[in-house]
């Protein structure tokens, strides 16, 4: 019980230090978090990004998020990306996904959806994430991804960014290739 209370006190201290206006205080807190941290601090890291942390602190936070090796982080990061309203923060969080050494293959459909919702840069980040996914992908994930792509194609107009349309085409090709792999596996069974 005592260790849990210490943990809560430490978490509160880190939260305060992360929001410090003094660069050395925030960076020292991040170093401590990296050494003895807990996934419980994850929401505070996201909040610090939203609070316009100094560039050096922001880079350290993004590196820390990418370096966290926890299955729980995958879900927390994808949820944070999904609910993030600020496009710039969402792009930074997406870069944490592909900079991470973890497998986000279970989020194929979500990443495809994100690619269709955002601008060119978001679509490009999503393509990079998809290309780094190791798979295998479930049939339901592939079908859901195809649905998102179909909805995008049906809603596209001539005034939309052609660069983004090209990236979405590459994503569609990636999903098609993965789907053909599943169809081939079914034929072998």
Protein backbone atom coordinates (compact mmCIF):
# COMPACT_ATOMS: atom_id res chain seq x y z
CA UNK A 1 0.00 0.00 0.00
CA UNK A 2 2.80 2.41 0.86
CA UNK A 3 4.53 1.87 -2.49
CA UNK A 4 1.30 2.68 -4.34
CA UNK A 5 1.03 5.96 -2.43
CA UNK A 6 4.65 6.75 -3.24
CA UNK A 7 3.90 5.99 -6.88
CA UNK A 8 0.97 8.42 -6.86
CA UNK A 9 3.06 11.10 -5.21
CA UNK A 10 5.86 10.53 -7.73
CA UNK A 11 3.41 10.67 -10.65
CA UNK A 12 2.03 13.97 -9.36
CA UNK A 13 5.56 15.34 -8.97
CA UNK A 14 6.47 14.32 -12.54
CA UNK A 15 3.30 15.96 -13.86
CA UNK A 16 4.25 19.22 -12.16
CA UNK A 17 7.85 19.04 -13.31
CA UNK A 18 6.85 18.31 -16.91
CA UNK A 19 4.85 21.54 -16.97
CA UNK A 20 7.70 23.55 -15.45
CA UNK A 21 8.85 26.63 -17.33
CA UNK A 22 12.42 25.73 -16.41
CA UNK A 23 13.88 23.54 -19.14
CA UNK A 24 16.29 21.66 -16.87
CA UNK A 25 13.45 20.71 -14.48
CA UNK A 26 11.28 19.24 -17.26
CA UNK A 27 14.23 17.40 -18.84
CA UNK A 28 15.29 16.00 -15.45
CA UNK A 29 11.74 14.73 -14.90
CA UNK A 30 11.80 13.04 -18.31
CA UNK A 31 15.11 11.38 -17.46
CA UNK A 32 13.60 10.04 -14.21
CA UNK A 33 10.49 8.88 -16.04
CA UNK A 34 12.67 7.06 -18.55
CA UNK A 35 14.69 5.36 -15.82
CA UNK A 36 11.96 4.41 -13.35
CA UNK A 37 8.81 5.49 -15.07
CA UNK A 38 5.49 3.84 -15.33
CA UNK A 39 2.99 3.67 -18.17
CA UNK A 40 0.69 5.58 -15.80
CA UNK A 41 2.54 8.79 -16.74
CA UNK A 42 1.56 8.38 -20.43
CA UNK A 43 -1.47 10.75 -20.27
CA UNK A 44 0.74 13.41 -18.70
CA UNK A 45 3.24 13.07 -21.54
CA UNK A 46 0.45 13.71 -24.05
CA UNK A 47 -0.79 16.68 -22.02
CA UNK A 48 2.72 18.13 -21.99
CA UNK A 49 2.78 17.96 -25.78
CA UNK A 50 -0.55 19.78 -25.93
CA UNK A 51 0.71 22.46 -23.55
CA UNK A 52 3.29 23.62 -26.10
CA UNK A 53 6.33 22.29 -24.33
CA UNK A 54 9.69 23.79 -25.37
CA UNK A 55 11.13 22.13 -28.48
CA UNK A 56 13.84 20.26 -26.54
CA UNK A 57 11.27 18.89 -24.08
CA UNK A 58 8.88 18.01 -26.92
CA UNK A 59 11.58 16.01 -28.73
CA UNK A 60 12.48 14.20 -25.51
CA UNK A 61 8.79 13.38 -24.86
CA UNK A 62 8.30 12.04 -28.39
CA UNK A 63 11.45 9.93 -28.14
CA UNK A 64 10.32 8.56 -24.78
CA UNK A 65 6.86 7.69 -26.14
CA UNK A 66 8.42 5.89 -29.11
CA UNK A 67 10.90 4.05 -26.88
CA UNK A 68 8.38 2.75 -24.33
CA UNK A 69 8.18 -1.00 -24.86
CA UNK A 70 4.81 -1.96 -23.43
CA UNK A 71 1.82 -3.62 -25.03
CA UNK A 72 -0.35 -1.20 -23.06
CA UNK A 73 1.43 1.70 -24.77
CA UNK A 74 0.20 0.54 -28.16
CA UNK A 75 -3.45 0.88 -27.12
CA UNK A 76 -2.85 4.14 -25.23
CA UNK A 77 -0.98 5.70 -28.15
CA UNK A 78 -3.58 4.70 -30.73
CA UNK A 79 -6.37 6.03 -28.51
CA UNK A 80 -4.48 9.31 -28.03
CA UNK A 81 -4.06 9.63 -31.80
CA UNK A 82 -7.71 8.83 -32.42
CA UNK A 83 -9.05 11.45 -30.00
CA UNK A 84 -6.44 14.14 -30.74
CA UNK A 85 -8.03 17.25 -32.27
CA UNK A 86 -4.80 19.15 -33.00
CA UNK A 87 -3.45 18.00 -36.38
CA UNK A 88 0.14 18.92 -35.51
CA UNK A 89 0.08 16.86 -32.30
CA UNK A 90 -1.56 13.95 -34.15
CA UNK A 91 1.26 13.98 -36.72
CA UNK A 92 3.85 13.91 -33.96
CA UNK A 93 2.10 10.99 -32.27
CA UNK A 94 1.87 9.13 -35.59
CA UNK A 95 5.62 9.53 -35.97
CA UNK A 96 5.97 7.83 -32.56
CA UNK A 97 4.16 4.80 -34.00
CA UNK A 98 6.59 4.22 -36.84
CA UNK A 99 9.59 5.18 -34.68
CA UNK A 100 8.52 2.58 -32.16
CA UNK A 101 9.93 -0.90 -32.44
CA UNK A 102 6.54 -2.40 -31.64
CA UNK A 103 4.04 -4.08 -33.91
CA UNK A 104 0.87 -2.10 -34.55
CA UNK A 105 -0.55 -4.67 -37.00
CA UNK A 106 -3.76 -5.00 -34.97
CA UNK A 107 -4.50 -1.39 -35.90
CA UNK A 108 -4.37 -1.76 -39.69
CA UNK A 109 -7.93 -0.55 -40.24
CA UNK A 110 -7.54 2.37 -37.81
CA UNK A 111 -4.37 3.55 -39.54
CA UNK A 112 -6.07 3.34 -42.95
CA UNK A 113 -9.00 5.34 -41.55
CA UNK A 114 -6.62 7.99 -40.19
CA UNK A 115 -4.96 8.24 -43.58
CA UNK A 116 -8.27 9.09 -45.26
CA UNK A 117 -9.32 11.62 -42.61
CA UNK A 118 -6.25 13.82 -42.49
CA UNK A 119 -4.21 15.86 -44.91
CA UNK A 120 -1.34 14.77 -47.14
CA UNK A 121 1.21 14.65 -44.29
CA UNK A 122 -1.08 12.52 -42.14
CA UNK A 123 -1.67 10.13 -45.05
CA UNK A 124 2.10 9.94 -45.63
CA UNK A 125 2.75 9.15 -41.94
CA UNK A 126 0.07 6.46 -42.11
CA UNK A 127 1.61 4.92 -45.23
CA UNK A 128 4.96 4.74 -43.42
CA UNK A 129 3.27 3.04 -40.45
CA UNK A 130 1.53 0.53 -42.73
CA UNK A 131 4.74 -0.30 -44.56
CA UNK A 132 6.38 -1.06 -41.21
CA UNK A 133 3.60 -3.40 -40.06
CA UNK A 134 4.65 -7.00 -40.02
CA UNK A 135 1.21 -8.60 -40.15
CA UNK A 136 -0.37 -11.02 -40.53
CA UNK A 137 -3.65 -9.16 -40.80
CA UNK A 138 -7.02 -10.63 -40.04
CA UNK A 139 -9.59 -10.79 -42.78
CA UNK A 140 -11.88 -8.49 -40.79
CA UNK A 141 -9.08 -5.88 -40.49
CA UNK A 142 -8.49 -6.00 -44.24
CA UNK A 143 -12.20 -5.74 -45.05
CA UNK A 144 -12.62 -2.79 -42.69
CA UNK A 145 -9.59 -1.09 -44.27
CA UNK A 146 -11.10 -1.64 -47.73
CA UNK A 147 -14.34 -0.05 -46.54
CA UNK A 148 -12.52 3.08 -45.36
CA UNK A 149 -10.73 3.30 -48.70
CA UNK A 150 -13.98 2.84 -50.62
CA UNK A 151 -15.66 5.60 -48.60
CA UNK A 152 -12.73 7.89 -49.33
CA UNK A 153 -12.87 7.20 -53.07
CA UNK A 154 -16.63 7.81 -53.14
CA UNK A 155 -16.25 11.15 -51.36
CA UNK A 156 -13.26 12.47 -53.32
CA UNK A 157 -13.66 15.50 -55.56
CA UNK A 158 -11.41 17.12 -58.13
CA UNK A 159 -10.35 19.92 -55.78
CA UNK A 160 -8.77 17.58 -53.25
CA UNK A 161 -5.03 17.28 -52.81
CA UNK A 162 -3.69 15.07 -55.60
CA UNK A 163 -0.61 14.23 -53.54
CA UNK A 164 -2.85 12.79 -50.83
CA UNK A 165 -4.84 10.87 -53.46
CA UNK A 166 -1.56 9.33 -54.68
CA UNK A 167 -0.66 8.25 -51.12
CA UNK A 168 -4.13 6.78 -50.62
CA UNK A 169 -3.63 4.85 -53.88
CA UNK A 170 -0.42 3.39 -52.46
CA UNK A 171 -2.24 2.47 -49.25
CA UNK A 172 -4.99 0.79 -51.30
CA UNK A 173 -2.34 -1.18 -53.19
CA UNK A 174 -0.75 -2.23 -49.88
CA UNK A 175 -4.13 -3.42 -48.53
CA UNK A 176 -4.85 -5.23 -51.81
CA UNK A 177 -1.50 -7.04 -51.68
CA UNK A 178 -2.15 -8.09 -48.08
CA UNK A 179 -5.62 -9.30 -49.02
CA UNK A 180 -4.23 -11.33 -51.91
CA UNK A 181 -1.86 -12.96 -49.45
CA UNK A 182 -4.85 -14.04 -47.34
CA UNK A 183 -6.69 -15.32 -50.41
CA UNK A 184 -3.62 -17.34 -51.41
CA UNK A 185 -3.37 -18.76 -47.88
CA UNK A 186 -6.99 -19.85 -48.10
CA UNK A 187 -6.29 -21.65 -51.36
CA UNK A 188 -3.43 -23.58 -49.73
CA UNK A 189 -5.62 -24.81 -46.86
